[in-house]
Protein backbone atom coordinates (compact mmCIF):
# COMPACT_ATOMS: atom_id res chain seq x y z
CA GLU A 1 -7.63 -30.26 -38.51
CA HIS A 2 -5.85 -33.32 -38.04
CA CYS A 3 -4.75 -32.25 -34.65
CA THR A 4 -7.44 -32.34 -31.80
CA ASP A 5 -6.36 -29.28 -29.41
CA GLU A 6 -3.10 -29.23 -30.89
CA ARG A 7 -1.22 -27.77 -33.90
CA CYS A 8 0.42 -29.50 -36.78
CA ASP A 9 4.07 -29.08 -37.53
CA THR A 10 3.87 -29.41 -41.22
CA ASP A 11 7.62 -29.90 -41.59
CA ALA A 12 7.70 -32.95 -39.11
CA GLY A 13 4.07 -34.11 -40.05
CA GLU A 14 3.47 -34.12 -36.05
CA CYS A 15 0.79 -32.79 -33.72
CA VAL A 16 2.22 -30.74 -31.25
CA ALA A 17 1.65 -28.00 -28.59
CA CYS A 18 2.59 -25.01 -30.61
CA VAL A 19 4.46 -23.74 -33.70
CA GLU A 20 4.34 -19.97 -32.60
CA ASP A 21 3.61 -17.86 -29.71
CA ALA A 22 0.04 -17.14 -30.60
CA ASP A 23 -0.92 -20.92 -30.04
CA CYS A 24 0.08 -20.40 -26.18
CA THR A 25 -2.70 -18.64 -24.49
CA ASP A 26 -1.60 -19.58 -20.75
CA PRO A 27 -0.16 -16.65 -18.92
CA THR A 28 2.27 -18.57 -17.26
CA ALA A 29 3.42 -20.23 -20.52
CA ALA A 30 2.91 -17.85 -23.41
CA LYS A 31 6.10 -18.30 -25.35
CA CYS A 32 6.43 -21.29 -27.87
CA ASP A 33 9.87 -23.08 -27.65
CA THR A 34 9.78 -23.88 -31.43
CA THR A 35 12.61 -26.52 -31.04
CA ALA A 36 10.62 -28.62 -28.53
CA HIS A 37 7.15 -27.25 -29.74
CA ALA A 38 6.20 -26.72 -26.38
CA CYS A 39 4.79 -23.51 -24.58
CA VAL A 40 7.01 -22.42 -21.87
CA ALA A 41 7.35 -19.08 -19.58
CA CYS A 42 7.65 -15.67 -21.56
CA ASP A 43 10.69 -13.74 -21.72
CA ASP A 44 9.39 -10.71 -23.77
CA SER A 45 6.16 -9.02 -23.67
CA SER A 46 5.50 -9.40 -27.32
CA GLN A 47 4.86 -13.09 -26.49
CA CYS A 48 1.97 -12.12 -24.02
CA ALA A 49 0.00 -10.27 -27.01
CA GLY A 50 -3.63 -11.55 -27.01
CA VAL A 51 -3.16 -13.39 -23.62
CA GLY A 52 -6.47 -11.74 -22.06
CA ASP A 53 -5.35 -8.57 -20.47
CA THR A 54 -2.10 -9.82 -19.38
CA ASN A 55 0.03 -8.12 -22.04
CA VAL A 56 3.22 -7.62 -20.09
CA CYS A 57 5.93 -10.07 -19.42
CA ALA A 58 7.26 -9.92 -15.87
CA THR A 59 11.05 -10.37 -16.05
CA GLU A 60 11.73 -10.52 -12.21
CA GLY A 61 10.30 -11.23 -8.80
CA SER A 62 7.96 -14.11 -7.64
CA ARG A 63 5.87 -13.98 -11.15
CA ALA A 64 9.01 -13.72 -13.61
CA GLY A 65 7.90 -15.26 -16.81
CA GLU A 66 4.38 -14.94 -16.40
CA CYS A 67 2.22 -12.43 -18.56
CA VAL A 68 0.70 -9.97 -16.11
CA GLU A 69 -1.26 -6.75 -16.36
CA CYS A 70 1.79 -4.55 -15.53
CA THR A 71 5.15 -4.10 -13.91
CA ALA A 72 7.11 -1.46 -12.20
CA ASP A 73 8.85 -0.78 -15.50
CA ASP A 74 5.54 -0.84 -17.49
CA ARG A 75 2.95 1.26 -15.81
CA ALA A 76 1.83 2.88 -18.90
CA SER A 77 -0.02 -0.53 -19.85
CA CYS A 78 -2.62 0.83 -17.19
CA ALA A 79 -5.05 3.02 -18.38
CA SER A 80 -4.89 4.73 -14.85
CA GLY A 81 -0.97 4.52 -14.80
CA VAL A 82 -0.96 2.93 -11.27
CA CYS A 83 0.32 -0.60 -11.02
CA LEU A 84 -0.38 -2.58 -7.87
CA LEU A 85 2.99 -4.25 -7.72
CA THR A 86 1.58 -6.70 -4.90
CA ASP A 87 0.02 -8.70 -7.81
CA ASN A 88 1.04 -6.87 -11.08
CA ALA A 89 -2.44 -5.72 -11.58
CA CYS A 90 -3.68 -2.44 -12.85
CA ALA A 91 -5.58 -0.12 -10.34
CA PRO A 92 -8.84 1.54 -11.53
CA GLU A 93 -7.50 4.97 -10.91
CA GLY A 94 -4.91 6.80 -8.91
CA GLY A 95 -3.26 9.94 -7.83
CA SER A 96 -6.14 10.57 -5.28
CA ALA A 97 -5.30 9.05 -2.00
CA ASP A 98 -4.68 11.26 0.84
CA ALA A 99 -2.16 11.12 3.89
CA CYS A 100 -2.76 8.11 6.02
CA THR A 101 -4.77 6.09 3.14
CA ALA A 102 -3.55 2.48 2.69
CA CYS A 103 -1.56 2.10 -0.59
CA VAL A 104 0.46 -0.28 -2.63
CA ALA A 105 2.02 2.09 -5.15
CA ASP A 106 3.27 5.78 -5.17
CA ALA A 107 0.95 6.63 -8.08
CA GLU A 108 -2.10 6.01 -5.96
CA CYS A 109 -1.23 9.04 -3.70
CA MET A 110 -1.64 12.69 -4.23
CA ALA A 111 0.74 14.67 -5.87
CA GLY A 112 3.76 15.42 -3.47
CA MET A 113 2.95 12.20 -1.73
CA LEU A 114 4.83 8.64 -1.65
CA CYS A 115 3.68 5.25 -0.47
CA VAL A 116 5.78 4.29 2.44
CA PRO A 117 5.70 1.81 5.13
CA TRP A 118 5.00 3.22 8.53
CA THR A 119 5.77 1.98 11.93
CA TYR A 120 4.46 2.18 15.62
CA ASP A 121 6.26 2.27 18.71
CA ASP A 122 4.25 2.15 21.93
CA PRO A 123 5.03 5.36 24.18
CA ARG A 124 4.01 3.49 27.30
CA THR A 125 6.81 1.14 27.05
CA ALA A 126 10.66 2.55 27.47
CA GLU A 127 12.32 0.29 25.28
CA ALA A 128 12.02 0.56 21.47
CA ASP A 129 9.75 -1.85 20.02
CA PRO A 130 8.38 -0.58 16.70
CA VAL A 131 5.88 -2.64 14.82
CA ALA A 132 5.12 -2.70 11.03
CA ALA A 133 1.91 -0.34 10.28
CA GLY A 134 1.29 -1.02 6.73
CA THR A 135 2.16 1.23 4.00
CA GLN A 136 0.16 4.56 3.51
CA CYS A 137 0.57 7.81 1.66
CA ALA A 138 2.71 10.35 3.31
CA TRP A 139 3.64 13.91 2.24
CA ARG A 140 7.07 14.32 1.15
CA GLN A 141 8.59 17.17 3.57
CA ASP A 142 9.87 19.33 0.66
CA ALA A 143 6.35 19.08 -0.96
CA SER A 144 4.81 22.51 -1.66
CA GLY A 145 1.19 23.67 -2.48
CA ALA A 146 -2.23 23.69 -0.81
CA GLY A 147 -2.07 21.36 2.29
CA ALA A 148 1.71 20.43 1.77
CA PRO A 149 4.38 20.66 4.32
CA GLY A 150 6.59 23.36 2.60
CA GLY A 151 9.60 21.99 4.20
CA ALA A 152 8.41 21.57 7.80
CA CYS A 153 6.32 18.61 8.65
CA SER A 154 5.25 20.64 11.89
CA THR A 155 2.76 22.48 9.62
CA ILE A 156 0.55 19.45 8.84
CA ARG A 157 -0.24 18.19 12.33
CA PRO A 158 -0.77 15.55 13.38
CA TYR A 159 2.00 13.95 10.76
CA VAL A 160 4.68 15.94 12.71
CA ARG A 161 7.20 13.39 12.71
CA SER A 162 9.72 13.66 9.80
CA GLY A 163 12.31 10.85 8.78
CA GLU A 164 13.78 9.37 5.67
CA ALA A 165 11.85 6.41 4.12
CA THR A 166 12.07 4.39 0.89
CA SER A 167 8.62 4.29 -0.88
CA VAL A 168 7.29 0.89 -2.31
CA ASP A 169 8.58 1.90 -5.61
CA GLY A 170 12.17 2.39 -4.41
CA VAL A 171 12.00 6.42 -3.94
CA THR A 172 13.76 7.78 -1.01
CA ALA A 173 12.92 10.97 0.59
CA THR A 174 12.05 12.73 3.82
CA VAL A 175 8.58 12.04 4.70
CA CYS A 176 5.94 13.21 7.44
CA THR A 177 4.21 10.56 9.53
CA LEU A 178 2.45 10.02 12.67
CA ALA A 179 4.83 10.06 15.87
CA LEU A 180 2.60 8.25 18.45
CA SER A 181 -0.47 6.57 16.72
CA THR A 182 -1.22 4.74 13.62
CA CYS A 183 -3.64 5.70 10.81
CA GLU A 184 -6.14 3.42 12.06
CA ALA A 185 -6.21 4.40 15.63
CA GLN A 186 -6.44 8.28 14.05
CA ALA A 187 -9.45 7.00 11.90
CA ASP A 188 -11.16 5.85 15.07
CA PHE A 189 -10.48 8.94 17.06
CA ARG A 190 -13.89 10.27 18.56
CA SER A 191 -15.66 8.08 15.93
CA VAL A 192 -15.94 4.42 17.39
CA ASP A 193 -17.64 3.59 20.63
CA CYS A 194 -15.30 1.46 22.48
CA MET A 195 -17.85 0.69 25.05
CA THR A 196 -15.92 -0.19 28.29
CA LEU A 197 -13.05 1.76 29.98
CA ASP A 198 -10.73 -1.33 30.37
CA ALA A 199 -8.44 -3.47 28.21
CA ALA A 200 -11.33 -4.83 26.38
CA GLY A 201 -12.58 -1.24 25.42
CA ASP A 202 -8.95 -0.54 24.43
CA ALA A 203 -8.82 -3.46 21.97
CA ARG A 204 -11.63 -1.95 20.15
CA CYS A 205 -9.47 1.10 19.09
CA GLY A 206 -6.68 1.27 16.27
CA MET A 207 -4.99 -1.80 14.74
CA GLU A 208 -5.92 -5.30 16.17
CA GLY A 209 -3.43 -6.45 18.76
CA VAL A 210 -1.25 -3.28 18.48
CA GLY A 211 -2.18 -1.31 21.56
CA ASP A 212 -2.23 2.00 19.47
CA GLY A 213 -5.39 3.43 20.86
CA VAL A 214 -7.23 3.75 24.10
CA CYS A 215 -10.62 4.08 25.23
CA ARG A 216 -11.75 7.20 27.19
CA MET A 217 -14.99 8.69 28.67
CA PHE A 218 -16.64 10.90 25.58
CA ASP A 219 -19.79 11.96 27.82
CA SER A 220 -22.08 10.63 30.19
CA ALA A 221 -23.67 8.39 27.78
CA ALA A 222 -20.60 7.03 25.58
CA ASN A 223 -17.06 6.10 25.46
CA ARG A 224 -14.68 6.70 22.28
CA CYS A 225 -11.43 5.77 21.11
CA THR A 226 -8.57 8.33 21.33
CA VAL A 227 -4.84 8.31 20.63
CA PHE A 228 -1.58 8.93 22.44
CA CYS A 229 0.23 12.29 22.13
CA GLY A 230 3.28 13.95 23.24
CA SER A 231 1.98 17.46 22.69
CA HIS A 232 -1.10 19.06 21.01
CA ASP A 233 0.79 18.52 17.51
CA ASP A 234 0.00 14.88 17.81
CA CYS A 235 -3.67 15.52 17.92
CA PRO A 236 -6.03 16.17 14.89
CA VAL A 237 -6.33 19.90 14.15
CA GLY A 238 -8.77 21.43 16.81
CA PHE A 239 -8.09 18.98 19.29
CA ASN A 240 -5.53 19.07 22.23
CA CYS A 241 -3.25 16.52 24.14
CA ASN A 242 -3.80 16.26 27.87
CA THR A 243 -0.33 17.15 28.74
CA SER A 244 -0.77 16.53 32.39
CA GLY A 245 -2.23 13.18 32.17
CA SER A 246 -0.47 9.85 32.25
CA PRO A 247 -0.40 8.41 29.58
CA ARG A 248 -1.15 11.44 27.43
CA VAL A 249 -3.95 11.25 25.20
CA CYS A 250 -5.77 13.62 22.79
CA GLN A 251 -8.92 14.87 24.52
CA PHE A 252 -12.24 15.05 22.59
CA MET A 253 -13.23 18.67 23.37
């Protein structure tokens, strides 16, 4: 009671910032340096006990030395078992995200899938110039069960491109992704009225500034977004590719 907002070091008779870890409640300084009697960065999760919901000490990365909700090695601290590694926070639930759904952790995806970085290369240009298209859930090619590839990506159109990828959690496997479009462009297929049949209309389709979708006539009253294709396999199930067109795009009917 002699020390306002501080603790009493009874051996030295001085008011100090801390005498034990429990005196340090800042997530960025949860350990008590008992020599200097100062709160410093944590180096063990035991120092984070009672510091809000951040009861795990990050030992690597940009938040090393800070108490966080979870880390790659401490997913069990999340009730959902899913740790969003971009900000070391627990996701409310996991294991339900389907293919082509944005993700930041493998555990967010359905069983048999990984959260991997996707790329897109405009088929209208001759040179290979892939651009990053975010991280989405993707089937492992060797996954089995309902809806899974069962060893061949060609069985789950339009995710017919197979290739080796390393997930955000460091798992390397052959996965099934889109060959000539992006998840955003696929989501816009037939559902977005792009209005005008020109560059302005194309810009309304797919990822902003990427050129992964185009605007085509849907019927006499509307134009809709569609995606590029090399064959019918690149189009959603039930739709075909105009293989005689240039560029080739998935047809609406």
